[in-house]
PDB file of N, CA and C in Angstrom:
ATOM      1  N   MET A   1       0.827  -1.184   0.000  1.00  0.00           N
ATOM      2  CA  MET A   1       0.000   0.000   0.000  1.00  0.00           C
ATOM      3  C   MET A   1       0.875   1.252   0.000  1.00  0.00           C
ATOM      4  N   LEU A   2       1.917   1.250   0.845  1.00  0.00           N
ATOM      5  CA  LEU A   2       2.795   2.412   0.900  1.00  0.00           C
ATOM      6  C   LEU A   2       3.552   2.608  -0.409  1.00  0.00           C
ATOM      7  N   LYS A   3       3.887   1.531  -1.068  1.00  0.00           N
ATOM      8  CA  LYS A   3       4.574   1.624  -2.352  1.00  0.00           C
ATOM      9  C   LYS A   3       3.679   2.317  -3.386  1.00  0.00           C
ATOM     10  N   ALA A   4       2.389   2.061  -3.317  1.00  0.00           N
ATOM     11  CA  ALA A   4       1.454   2.687  -4.243  1.00  0.00           C
ATOM     12  C   ALA A   4       1.378   4.196  -4.031  1.00  0.00           C
ATOM     13  N   VAL A   5       1.565   4.642  -2.802  1.00  0.00           N
ATOM     14  CA  VAL A   5       1.475   6.067  -2.473  1.00  0.00           C
ATOM     15  C   VAL A   5       2.825   6.765  -2.640  1.00  0.00           C
ATOM     16  N   ALA A   6       3.907   6.013  -2.769  1.00  0.00           N
ATOM     17  CA  ALA A   6       5.249   6.596  -2.824  1.00  0.00           C
ATOM     18  C   ALA A   6       5.486   7.448  -4.064  1.00  0.00           C
ATOM     19  N   ASP A   7       4.826   7.150  -5.158  1.00  0.00           N
ATOM     20  CA  ASP A   7       4.990   7.926  -6.385  1.00  0.00           C
ATOM     21  C   ASP A   7       4.296   9.280  -6.241  1.00  0.00           C
ATOM     22  N   PRO A   8       4.960  10.390  -6.552  1.00  0.00           N
ATOM     23  CA  PRO A   8       4.358  11.718  -6.377  1.00  0.00           C
ATOM     24  C   PRO A   8       3.053  11.919  -7.146  1.00  0.00           C
ATOM     25  N   THR A   9       2.965  11.402  -8.364  1.00  0.00           N
ATOM     26  CA  THR A   9       1.727  11.561  -9.133  1.00  0.00           C
ATOM     27  C   THR A   9       0.606  10.759  -8.500  1.00  0.00           C
ATOM     28  N   ARG A  10       0.896   9.534  -8.072  1.00  0.00           N
ATOM     29  CA  ARG A  10      -0.143   8.732  -7.417  1.00  0.00           C
ATOM     30  C   ARG A  10      -0.569   9.383  -6.113  1.00  0.00           C
ATOM     31  N   PHE A  11       0.375   9.984  -5.401  1.00  0.00           N
ATOM     32  CA  PHE A  11       0.028  10.685  -4.166  1.00  0.00           C
ATOM     33  C   PHE A  11      -0.950  11.823  -4.476  1.00  0.00           C
ATOM     34  N   ARG A  12      -0.652  12.619  -5.505  1.00  0.00           N
ATOM     35  CA  ARG A  12      -1.538  13.736  -5.869  1.00  0.00           C
ATOM     36  C   ARG A  12      -2.908  13.239  -6.306  1.00  0.00           C
ATOM     37  N   VAL A  13      -2.934  12.174  -7.097  1.00  0.00           N
ATOM     38  CA  VAL A  13      -4.208  11.594  -7.554  1.00  0.00           C
ATOM     39  C   VAL A  13      -5.011  11.114  -6.351  1.00  0.00           C
ATOM     40  N   LEU A  14      -4.364  10.404  -5.467  1.00  0.00           N
ATOM     41  CA  LEU A  14      -5.054   9.869  -4.296  1.00  0.00           C
ATOM     42  C   LEU A  14      -5.536  10.986  -3.384  1.00  0.00           C
ATOM     43  N   TRP A  15      -4.728  12.031  -3.247  1.00  0.00           N
ATOM     44  CA  TRP A  15      -5.147  13.163  -2.412  1.00  0.00           C
ATOM     45  C   TRP A  15      -6.400  13.808  -2.990  1.00  0.00           C
ATOM     46  N   ALA A  16      -6.440  13.974  -4.306  1.00  0.00           N
ATOM     47  CA  ALA A  16      -7.622  14.551  -4.952  1.00  0.00           C
ATOM     48  C   ALA A  16      -8.845  13.660  -4.737  1.00  0.00           C
ATOM     49  N   LEU A  17      -8.645  12.349  -4.824  1.00  0.00           N
ATOM     50  CA  LEU A  17      -9.760  11.414  -4.651  1.00  0.00           C
ATOM     51  C   LEU A  17     -10.231  11.347  -3.202  1.00  0.00           C
ATOM     52  N   ALA A  18      -9.344  11.620  -2.275  1.00  0.00           N
ATOM     53  CA  ALA A  18      -9.738  11.640  -0.860  1.00  0.00           C
ATOM     54  C   ALA A  18     -10.639  12.842  -0.583  1.00  0.00           C
ATOM     55  N   ARG A  19     -10.562  13.836  -1.440  1.00  0.00           N
ATOM     56  CA  ARG A  19     -11.378  15.042  -1.275  1.00  0.00           C
ATOM     57  C   ARG A  19     -12.681  14.966  -2.059  1.00  0.00           C
ATOM     58  N   GLY A  20     -12.804  14.012  -2.989  1.00  0.00           N
ATOM     59  CA  GLY A  20     -14.037  13.886  -3.752  1.00  0.00           C
ATOM     60  C   GLY A  20     -13.860  13.002  -4.975  1.00  0.00           C
ATOM     61  N   GLU A  21     -14.961  12.716  -5.607  1.00  0.00           N
ATOM     62  CA  GLU A  21     -14.989  11.831  -6.769  1.00  0.00           C
ATOM     63  C   GLU A  21     -14.597  12.607  -8.039  1.00  0.00           C
ATOM     64  N   HIS A  22     -13.819  11.944  -8.914  1.00  0.00           N
ATOM     65  CA  HIS A  22     -13.364  12.578 -10.150  1.00  0.00           C
ATOM     66  C   HIS A  22     -13.270  11.558 -11.270  1.00  0.00           C
ATOM     67  N   SER A  23     -13.420  12.053 -12.501  1.00  0.00           N
ATOM     68  CA  SER A  23     -13.171  11.213 -13.668  1.00  0.00           C
ATOM     69  C   SER A  23     -11.676  11.244 -13.972  1.00  0.00           C
ATOM     70  N   VAL A  24     -11.224  10.378 -14.864  1.00  0.00           N
ATOM     71  CA  VAL A  24      -9.817  10.332 -15.227  1.00  0.00           C
ATOM     72  C   VAL A  24      -9.385  11.670 -15.837  1.00  0.00           C
ATOM     73  N   GLY A  25     -10.223  12.234 -16.685  1.00  0.00           N
ATOM     74  CA  GLY A  25      -9.905  13.515 -17.312  1.00  0.00           C
ATOM     75  C   GLY A  25      -9.757  14.634 -16.295  1.00  0.00           C
ATOM     76  N   GLN A  26     -10.648  14.663 -15.330  1.00  0.00           N
ATOM     77  CA  GLN A  26     -10.565  15.677 -14.278  1.00  0.00           C
ATOM     78  C   GLN A  26      -9.284  15.503 -13.465  1.00  0.00           C
ATOM     79  N   LEU A  27      -8.960  14.264 -13.137  1.00  0.00           N
ATOM     80  CA  LEU A  27      -7.737  13.989 -12.369  1.00  0.00           C
ATOM     81  C   LEU A  27      -6.494  14.395 -13.156  1.00  0.00           C
ATOM     82  N   ALA A  28      -6.483  14.102 -14.452  1.00  0.00           N
ATOM     83  CA  ALA A  28      -5.334  14.465 -15.290  1.00  0.00           C
ATOM     84  C   ALA A  28      -5.127  15.974 -15.268  1.00  0.00           C
ATOM     85  N   GLU A  29      -6.214  16.709 -15.337  1.00  0.00           N
ATOM     86  CA  GLU A  29      -6.141  18.170 -15.287  1.00  0.00           C
ATOM     87  C   GLU A  29      -5.628  18.650 -13.924  1.00  0.00           C
ATOM     88  N   LEU A  30      -6.133  18.048 -12.856  1.00  0.00           N
ATOM     89  CA  LEU A  30      -5.737  18.450 -11.502  1.00  0.00           C
ATOM     90  C   LEU A  30      -4.259  18.222 -11.221  1.00  0.00           C
ATOM     91  N   VAL A  31      -3.737  17.099 -11.671  1.00  0.00           N
ATOM     92  CA  VAL A  31      -2.349  16.764 -11.343  1.00  0.00           C
ATOM     93  C   VAL A  31      -1.374  17.130 -12.455  1.00  0.00           C
ATOM     94  N   GLY A  32      -1.874  17.614 -13.578  1.00  0.00           N
ATOM     95  CA  GLY A  32      -1.004  18.026 -14.670  1.00  0.00           C
ATOM     96  C   GLY A  32      -0.301  16.874 -15.357  1.00  0.00           C
ATOM     97  N   ALA A  33      -1.038  15.796 -15.597  1.00  0.00           N
ATOM     98  CA  ALA A  33      -0.470  14.615 -16.255  1.00  0.00           C
ATOM     99  C   ALA A  33      -1.379  14.202 -17.416  1.00  0.00           C
ATOM    100  N   HIS A  34      -0.860  13.353 -18.282  1.00  0.00           N
ATOM    101  CA  HIS A  34      -1.653  12.844 -19.397  1.00  0.00           C
ATOM    102  C   HIS A  34      -2.691  11.853 -18.886  1.00  0.00           C
ATOM    103  N   VAL A  35      -3.814  11.780 -19.587  1.00  0.00           N
ATOM    104  CA  VAL A  35      -4.901  10.881 -19.209  1.00  0.00           C
ATOM    105  C   VAL A  35      -4.414   9.432 -19.144  1.00  0.00           C
ATOM    106  N   ALA A  36      -3.601   9.026 -20.118  1.00  0.00           N
ATOM    107  CA  ALA A  36      -3.102   7.642 -20.140  1.00  0.00           C
ATOM    108  C   ALA A  36      -2.255   7.346 -18.900  1.00  0.00           C
ATOM    109  N   ALA A  37      -1.424   8.303 -18.501  1.00  0.00           N
ATOM    110  CA  ALA A  37      -0.582   8.103 -17.316  1.00  0.00           C
ATOM    111  C   ALA A  37      -1.437   8.014 -16.063  1.00  0.00           C
ATOM    112  N   VAL A  38      -2.442   8.868 -15.961  1.00  0.00           N
ATOM    113  CA  VAL A  38      -3.335   8.845 -14.797  1.00  0.00           C
ATOM    114  C   VAL A  38      -4.090   7.518 -14.752  1.00  0.00           C
ATOM    115  N   SER A  39      -4.504   7.015 -15.888  1.00  0.00           N
ATOM    116  CA  SER A  39      -5.190   5.717 -15.937  1.00  0.00           C
ATOM    117  C   SER A  39      -4.293   4.602 -15.394  1.00  0.00           C
ATOM    118  N   GLN A  40      -3.015   4.639 -15.749  1.00  0.00           N
ATOM    119  CA  GLN A  40      -2.076   3.636 -15.250  1.00  0.00           C
ATOM    120  C   GLN A  40      -1.900   3.755 -13.737  1.00  0.00           C
ATOM    121  N   HIS A  41      -1.809   4.986 -13.257  1.00  0.00           N
ATOM    122  CA  HIS A  41      -1.684   5.198 -11.815  1.00  0.00           C
ATOM    123  C   HIS A  41      -2.941   4.712 -11.086  1.00  0.00           C
ATOM    124  N   LEU A  42      -4.100   4.988 -11.660  1.00  0.00           N
ATOM    125  CA  LEU A  42      -5.356   4.536 -11.049  1.00  0.00           C
ATOM    126  C   LEU A  42      -5.423   3.014 -10.985  1.00  0.00           C
ATOM    127  N   ALA A  43      -4.915   2.361 -12.005  1.00  0.00           N
ATOM    128  CA  ALA A  43      -4.905   0.888 -12.000  1.00  0.00           C
ATOM    129  C   ALA A  43      -4.082   0.365 -10.832  1.00  0.00           C
ATOM    130  N   ARG A  44      -2.931   0.989 -10.572  1.00  0.00           N
ATOM    131  CA  ARG A  44      -2.098   0.561  -9.439  1.00  0.00           C
ATOM    132  C   ARG A  44      -2.780   0.852  -8.104  1.00  0.00           C
ATOM    133  N   LEU A  45      -3.402   2.015  -8.012  1.00  0.00           N
ATOM    134  CA  LEU A  45      -4.097   2.375  -6.775  1.00  0.00           C
ATOM    135  C   LEU A  45      -5.293   1.459  -6.531  1.00  0.00           C
ATOM    136  N   ARG A  46      -5.955   1.099  -7.590  1.00  0.00           N
ATOM    137  CA  ARG A  46      -7.096   0.179  -7.478  1.00  0.00           C
ATOM    138  C   ARG A  46      -6.624  -1.211  -7.047  1.00  0.00           C
ATOM    139  N   ALA A  47      -5.518  -1.672  -7.619  1.00  0.00           N
ATOM    140  CA  ALA A  47      -4.965  -2.979  -7.260  1.00  0.00           C
ATOM    141  C   ALA A  47      -4.534  -3.006  -5.786  1.00  0.00           C
ATOM    142  N   ALA A  48      -4.118  -1.859  -5.270  1.00  0.00           N
ATOM    143  CA  ALA A  48      -3.712  -1.762  -3.859  1.00  0.00           C
ATOM    144  C   ALA A  48      -4.914  -1.595  -2.939  1.00  0.00           C
ATOM    145  N   GLY A  49      -6.113  -1.483  -3.513  1.00  0.00           N
ATOM    146  CA  GLY A  49      -7.320  -1.339  -2.707  1.00  0.00           C
ATOM    147  C   GLY A  49      -7.534   0.063  -2.158  1.00  0.00           C
ATOM    148  N   LEU A  50      -6.905   1.054  -2.783  1.00  0.00           N
ATOM    149  CA  LEU A  50      -7.009   2.424  -2.290  1.00  0.00           C
ATOM    150  C   LEU A  50      -8.086   3.251  -2.979  1.00  0.00           C
ATOM    151  N   VAL A  51      -8.506   2.836  -4.174  1.00  0.00           N
ATOM    152  CA  VAL A  51      -9.568   3.556  -4.881  1.00  0.00           C
ATOM    153  C   VAL A  51     -10.629   2.576  -5.365  1.00  0.00           C
ATOM    154  N   VAL A  52     -11.819   3.098  -5.523  1.00  0.00           N
ATOM    155  CA  VAL A  52     -12.933   2.336  -6.099  1.00  0.00           C
ATOM    156  C   VAL A  52     -13.518   3.184  -7.221  1.00  0.00           C
ATOM    157  N   SER A  53     -14.257   2.531  -8.106  1.00  0.00           N
ATOM    158  CA  SER A  53     -14.817   3.253  -9.247  1.00  0.00           C
ATOM    159  C   SER A  53     -16.283   2.916  -9.429  1.00  0.00           C
ATOM    160  N   ARG A  54     -16.942   3.785 -10.188  1.00  0.00           N
ATOM    161  CA  ARG A  54     -18.320   3.521 -10.605  1.00  0.00           C
ATOM    162  C   ARG A  54     -18.476   4.051 -12.021  1.00  0.00           C
ATOM    163  N   ARG A  55     -19.326   3.402 -12.766  1.00  0.00           N
ATOM    164  CA  ARG A  55     -19.562   3.792 -14.160  1.00  0.00           C
ATOM    165  C   ARG A  55     -20.863   4.575 -14.253  1.00  0.00           C
ATOM    166  N   GLU A  56     -20.803   5.655 -15.007  1.00  0.00           N
ATOM    167  CA  GLU A  56     -21.999   6.445 -15.304  1.00  0.00           C
ATOM    168  C   GLU A  56     -21.993   6.686 -16.811  1.00  0.00           C
ATOM    169  N   GLY A  57     -22.770   5.914 -17.524  1.00  0.00           N
ATOM    170  CA  GLY A  57     -22.750   5.985 -18.987  1.00  0.00           C
ATOM    171  C   GLY A  57     -21.413   5.488 -19.495  1.00  0.00           C
ATOM    172  N   THR A  58     -20.723   6.353 -20.233  1.00  0.00           N
ATOM    173  CA  THR A  58     -19.421   5.964 -20.771  1.00  0.00           C
ATOM    174  C   THR A  58     -18.261   6.426 -19.890  1.00  0.00           C
ATOM    175  N   ARG A  59     -18.558   7.150 -18.835  1.00  0.00           N
ATOM    176  CA  ARG A  59     -17.505   7.665 -17.941  1.00  0.00           C
ATOM    177  C   ARG A  59     -17.369   6.806 -16.704  1.00  0.00           C
ATOM    178  N   ILE A  60     -16.141   6.740 -16.220  1.00  0.00           N
ATOM    179  CA  ILE A  60     -15.858   6.044 -14.971  1.00  0.00           C
ATOM    180  C   ILE A  60     -15.365   7.088 -13.977  1.00  0.00           C
ATOM    181  N   TYR A  61     -15.947   7.071 -12.801  1.00  0.00           N
ATOM    182  CA  TYR A  61     -15.587   8.000 -11.738  1.00  0.00           C
ATOM    183  C   TYR A  61     -14.890   7.235 -10.623  1.00  0.00           C
ATOM    184  N   TYR A  62     -13.856   7.839 -10.089  1.00  0.00           N
ATOM    185  CA  TYR A  62     -13.059   7.216  -9.043  1.00  0.00           C
ATOM    186  C   TYR A  62     -13.187   8.010  -7.749  1.00  0.00           C
ATOM    187  N   ARG A  63     -13.032   7.296  -6.640  1.00  0.00           N
ATOM    188  CA  ARG A  63     -13.011   7.933  -5.324  1.00  0.00           C
ATOM    189  C   ARG A  63     -12.139   7.078  -4.402  1.00  0.00           C
ATOM    190  N   ALA A  64     -11.737   7.673  -3.293  1.00  0.00           N
ATOM    191  CA  ALA A  64     -10.949   6.932  -2.308  1.00  0.00           C
ATOM    192  C   ALA A  64     -11.791   5.790  -1.759  1.00  0.00           C
ATOM    193  N   ALA A  65     -11.152   4.687  -1.439  1.00  0.00           N
ATOM    194  CA  ALA A  65     -11.852   3.486  -0.991  1.00  0.00           C
ATOM    195  C   ALA A  65     -12.455   3.620   0.402  1.00  0.00           C
ATOM    196  N   GLY A  66     -12.043   4.598   1.174  1.00  0.00           N
ATOM    197  CA  GLY A  66     -12.594   4.781   2.510  1.00  0.00           C
ATOM    198  C   GLY A  66     -11.803   5.807   3.292  1.00  0.00           C
ATOM    199  N   ALA A  67     -12.224   6.010   4.538  1.00  0.00           N
ATOM    200  CA  ALA A  67     -11.573   6.999   5.405  1.00  0.00           C
ATOM    201  C   ALA A  67     -10.123   6.622   5.696  1.00  0.00           C
ATOM    202  N   HIS A  68      -9.803   5.337   5.626  1.00  0.00           N
ATOM    203  CA  HIS A  68      -8.426   4.910   5.887  1.00  0.00           C
ATOM    204  C   HIS A  68      -7.444   5.494   4.873  1.00  0.00           C
ATOM    205  N   VAL A  69      -7.923   5.816   3.679  1.00  0.00           N
ATOM    206  CA  VAL A  69      -7.051   6.379   2.653  1.00  0.00           C
ATOM    207  C   VAL A  69      -6.596   7.777   3.058  1.00  0.00           C
ATOM    208  N   ARG A  70      -7.522   8.580   3.519  1.00  0.00           N
ATOM    209  CA  ARG A  70      -7.155   9.936   3.951  1.00  0.00           C
ATOM    210  C   ARG A  70      -6.204   9.873   5.151  1.00  0.00           C
ATOM    211  N   ALA A  71      -6.467   8.948   6.070  1.00  0.00           N
ATOM    212  CA  ALA A  71      -5.578   8.785   7.224  1.00  0.00           C
ATOM    213  C   ALA A  71      -4.177   8.375   6.764  1.00  0.00           C
ATOM    214  N   LEU A  72      -4.083   7.507   5.775  1.00  0.00           N
ATOM    215  CA  LEU A  72      -2.799   7.090   5.221  1.00  0.00           C
ATOM    216  C   LEU A  72      -2.057   8.282   4.623  1.00  0.00           C
ATOM    217  N   LEU A  73      -2.759   9.103   3.872  1.00  0.00           N
ATOM    218  CA  LEU A  73      -2.148  10.276   3.254  1.00  0.00           C
ATOM    219  C   LEU A  73      -1.687  11.276   4.302  1.00  0.00           C
ATOM    220  N   GLU A  74      -2.518  11.508   5.294  1.00  0.00           N
ATOM    221  CA  GLU A  74      -2.145  12.444   6.358  1.00  0.00           C
ATOM    222  C   GLU A  74      -0.926  11.931   7.115  1.00  0.00           C
ATOM    223  N   GLY A  75      -0.879  10.633   7.341  1.00  0.00           N
ATOM    224  CA  GLY A  75       0.286  10.038   7.997  1.00  0.00           C
ATOM    225  C   GLY A  75       1.541  10.205   7.157  1.00  0.00           C
ATOM    226  N   ALA A  76       1.415  10.069   5.840  1.00  0.00           N
ATOM    227  CA  ALA A  76       2.566  10.250   4.948  1.00  0.00           C
ATOM    228  C   ALA A  76       3.054  11.693   4.990  1.00  0.00           C
ATOM    229  N   VAL A  77       2.127  12.637   5.056  1.00  0.00           N
ATOM    230  CA  VAL A  77       2.506  14.049   5.142  1.00  0.00           C
ATOM    231  C   VAL A  77       3.215  14.317   6.461  1.00  0.00           C
ATOM    232  N   LEU A  78       2.693  13.773   7.554  1.00  0.00           N
ATOM    233  CA  LEU A  78       3.344  13.946   8.861  1.00  0.00           C
ATOM    234  C   LEU A  78       4.749  13.345   8.859  1.00  0.00           C
ATOM    235  N   ALA A  79       4.892  12.182   8.262  1.00  0.00           N
ATOM    236  CA  ALA A  79       6.204  11.534   8.204  1.00  0.00           C
ATOM    237  C   ALA A  79       7.172  12.369   7.371  1.00  0.00           C
ATOM    238  N   ALA A  80       6.692  12.941   6.272  1.00  0.00           N
ATOM    239  CA  ALA A  80       7.547  13.776   5.426  1.00  0.00           C
ATOM    240  C   ALA A  80       7.991  15.024   6.174  1.00  0.00           C
ATOM    241  N   ARG A  81       7.107  15.578   6.992  1.00  0.00           N
ATOM    242  CA  ARG A  81       7.463  16.766   7.770  1.00  0.00           C
ATOM    243  C   ARG A  81       8.451  16.428   8.877  1.00  0.00           C
ATOM    244  N   ALA A  82       8.412  15.217   9.378  1.00  0.00           N
ATOM    245  CA  ALA A  82       9.306  14.798  10.450  1.00  0.00           C
ATOM    246  C   ALA A  82      10.717  14.524   9.928  1.00  0.00           C
ATOM    247  N   GLU A  83      10.838  14.207   8.658  1.00  0.00           N
ATOM    248  CA  GLU A  83      12.140  13.929   8.050  1.00  0.00           C
ATOM    249  C   GLU A  83      12.874  15.237   7.816  1.00  0.00           C
ATOM    250  N   PRO A  84      14.079  15.404   8.403  1.00  0.00           N
ATOM    251  CA  PRO A  84      14.810  16.657   8.213  1.00  0.00           C
ATOM    252  C   PRO A  84      15.239  16.884   6.767  1.00  0.00           C
ATOM    253  N   GLU A  85      15.452  15.820   5.996  1.00  0.00           N
ATOM    254  CA  GLU A  85      15.895  15.969   4.618  1.00  0.00           C
ATOM    255  C   GLU A  85      14.769  15.709   3.630  1.00  0.00           C
ATOM    256  N   GLY A  86      13.575  15.389   4.106  1.00  0.00           N
ATOM    257  CA  GLY A  86      12.461  15.081   3.222  1.00  0.00           C
ATOM    258  C   GLY A  86      11.876  16.328   2.601  1.00  0.00           C
ATOM    259  N   PRO A  87      11.190  16.167   1.481  1.00  0.00           N
ATOM    260  CA  PRO A  87      10.579  17.316   0.825  1.00  0.00           C
ATOM    261  C   PRO A  87       9.391  17.831   1.629  1.00  0.00           C
ATOM    262  N   ALA A  88       9.091  19.086   1.485  1.00  0.00           N
ATOM    263  CA  ALA A  88       7.916  19.667   2.125  1.00  0.00           C
ATOM    264  C   ALA A  88       6.685  19.064   1.489  1.00  0.00           C
ATOM    265  N   PRO A  89       5.612  18.839   2.235  1.00  0.00           N
ATOM    266  CA  PRO A  89       4.413  18.209   1.687  1.00  0.00           C
ATOM    267  C   PRO A  89       3.872  18.918   0.457  1.00  0.00           C
ATOM    268  N   ALA A  90       3.925  20.244   0.405  1.00  0.00           N
ATOM    269  CA  ALA A  90       3.406  20.941  -0.774  1.00  0.00           C
ATOM    270  C   ALA A  90       4.227  20.592  -2.005  1.00  0.00           C
ATOM    271  N   SER A  91       5.554  20.393  -1.840  1.00  0.00           N
ATOM    272  CA  SER A  91       6.366  20.032  -2.994  1.00  0.00           C
ATOM    273  C   SER A  91       6.126  18.577  -3.379  1.00  0.00           C
ATOM    274  N   VAL A  92       5.755  17.738  -2.411  1.00  0.00           N
ATOM    275  CA  VAL A  92       5.401  16.353  -2.729  1.00  0.00           C
ATOM    276  C   VAL A  92       4.108  16.350  -3.525  1.00  0.00           C
ATOM    277  N   ALA A  93       3.137  17.148  -3.073  1.00  0.00           N
ATOM    278  CA  ALA A  93       1.863  17.214  -3.762  1.00  0.00           C
ATOM    279  C   ALA A  93       2.012  17.956  -5.072  1.00  0.00           C
ATOM    280  N   GLY A  94       2.872  18.965  -5.124  1.00  0.00           N
ATOM    281  CA  GLY A  94       3.177  19.633  -6.371  1.00  0.00           C
ATOM    282  C   GLY A  94       2.148  20.623  -6.870  1.00  0.00           C
ATOM    283  N   ASN A  95       0.902  20.385  -6.673  1.00  0.00           N
ATOM    284  CA  ASN A  95      -0.145  21.225  -7.228  1.00  0.00           C
ATOM    285  C   ASN A  95      -0.992  21.733  -6.081  1.00  0.00           C
ATOM    286  N   THR A  96      -1.127  23.059  -5.967  1.00  0.00           N
ATOM    287  CA  THR A  96      -1.862  23.613  -4.844  1.00  0.00           C
ATOM    288  C   THR A  96      -3.330  23.190  -4.843  1.00  0.00           C
ATOM    289  N   ALA A  97      -3.864  22.821  -5.994  1.00  0.00           N
ATOM    290  CA  ALA A  97      -5.261  22.388  -6.047  1.00  0.00           C
ATOM    291  C   ALA A  97      -5.466  21.079  -5.288  1.00  0.00           C
ATOM    292  N   VAL A  98      -4.421  20.283  -5.179  1.00  0.00           N
ATOM    293  CA  VAL A  98      -4.538  19.012  -4.475  1.00  0.00           C
ATOM    294  C   VAL A  98      -3.443  18.874  -3.418  1.00  0.00           C
ATOM    295  N   ALA A  99      -2.937  19.997  -2.930  1.00  0.00           N
ATOM    296  CA  ALA A  99      -1.880  19.969  -1.927  1.00  0.00           C
ATOM    297  C   ALA A  99      -2.427  19.490  -0.585  1.00  0.00           C
ATOM    298  N   ALA A 100      -1.537  19.085   0.271  1.00  0.00           N
ATOM    299  CA  ALA A 100      -1.916  18.627   1.609  1.00  0.00           C
ATOM    300  C   ALA A 100      -2.515  19.784   2.394  1.00  0.00           C
ATOM    301  N   PRO A 101      -3.416  19.488   3.306  1.00  0.00           N
ATOM    302  CA  PRO A 101      -4.044  20.542   4.087  1.00  0.00           C
ATOM    303  C   PRO A 101      -3.072  21.164   5.069  1.00  0.00           C
ATOM    304  N   ALA A 102      -3.464  22.282   5.628  1.00  0.00           N
ATOM    305  CA  ALA A 102      -2.638  22.970   6.621  1.00  0.00           C
ATOM    306  C   ALA A 102      -2.432  22.076   7.839  1.00  0.00           C
ATOM    307  N   GLY A 103      -1.382  22.351   8.606  1.00  0.00           N
ATOM    308  CA  GLY A 103      -1.025  21.538   9.761  1.00  0.00           C
ATOM    309  C   GLY A 103      -2.155  21.328  10.749  1.00  0.00           C
ATOM    310  N   ALA A 104      -3.087  22.264  10.824  1.00  0.00           N
ATOM    311  CA  ALA A 104      -4.188  22.134  11.772  1.00  0.00           C
ATOM    312  C   ALA A 104      -5.049  20.909  11.483  1.00  0.00           C
ATOM    313  N   ARG A 105      -5.091  20.470  10.267  1.00  0.00           N
ATOM    314  CA  ARG A 105      -5.918  19.325   9.908  1.00  0.00           C
ATOM    315  C   ARG A 105      -5.138  18.017   9.967  1.00  0.00           C
ATOM    316  N   LEU A 106      -3.882  18.079  10.355  1.00  0.00           N
ATOM    317  CA  LEU A 106      -3.044  16.889  10.322  1.00  0.00           C
ATOM    318  C   LEU A 106      -2.736  16.335  11.703  1.00  0.00           C
ATOM    319  N   ARG A 107      -3.612  16.538  12.646  1.00  0.00           N
ATOM    320  CA  ARG A 107      -3.397  15.983  13.985  1.00  0.00           C
ATOM    321  C   ARG A 107      -3.568  14.471  13.937  1.00  0.00           C
ATOM    322  N   PRO A 108      -2.651  13.738  14.542  1.00  0.00           N
ATOM    323  CA  PRO A 108      -2.808  12.281  14.548  1.00  0.00           C
ATOM    324  C   PRO A 108      -4.047  11.861  15.328  1.00  0.00           C
ATOM    325  N   ARG A 109      -4.668  10.827  14.856  1.00  0.00           N
ATOM    326  CA  ARG A 109      -5.849  10.320  15.549  1.00  0.00           C
ATOM    327  C   ARG A 109      -5.412   9.464  16.728  1.00  0.00           C
ATOM    328  N   PRO A 110      -6.134   9.578  17.865  1.00  0.00           N
ATOM    329  CA  PRO A 110      -5.763   8.745  19.012  1.00  0.00           C
ATOM    330  C   PRO A 110      -5.999   7.271  18.721  1.00  0.00           C
ATOM    331  N   VAL A 111      -5.159   6.431  19.267  1.00  0.00           N
ATOM    332  CA  VAL A 111      -5.290   4.994  19.103  1.00  0.00           C
ATOM    333  C   VAL A 111      -5.996   4.435  20.316  1.00  0.00           C
ATOM    334  N   ASN A 112      -7.108   3.758  20.105  1.00  0.00           N
ATOM    335  CA  ASN A 112      -7.831   3.133  21.215  1.00  0.00           C
ATOM    336  C   ASN A 112      -7.111   1.855  21.603  1.00  0.00           C
ATOM    337  N   GLY A 113      -6.850   1.693  22.853  1.00  0.00           N
ATOM    338  CA  GLY A 113      -6.152   0.475  23.196  1.00  0.00           C
ATOM    339  C   GLY A 113      -6.190   0.241  24.636  1.00  0.00           C
TER     340      GLY A 113
END
């Protein structure tokens, strides 16, 4: 699962999908990539169980598979911020339209135990 999120384009695609449902064309526009490349990334994310799709006519819409996806992304952003040599989350996301949220939204969730 982490390997699927390690690619910067897949991270941006997944971040966009965690915020709402999008078609491949919309995702390509958001992340600044070709439709064919985004389709390949979606296939990997789908195989990892991170995205689900639905068909509406001739279009297929994708969304994050559940709340665990957003938690995974937020955890990756926190880990990147903790690394002294790691890139800043905005540079990982690359596009402000799908950039990571401000630090206020990145509080770790308590673990029940």
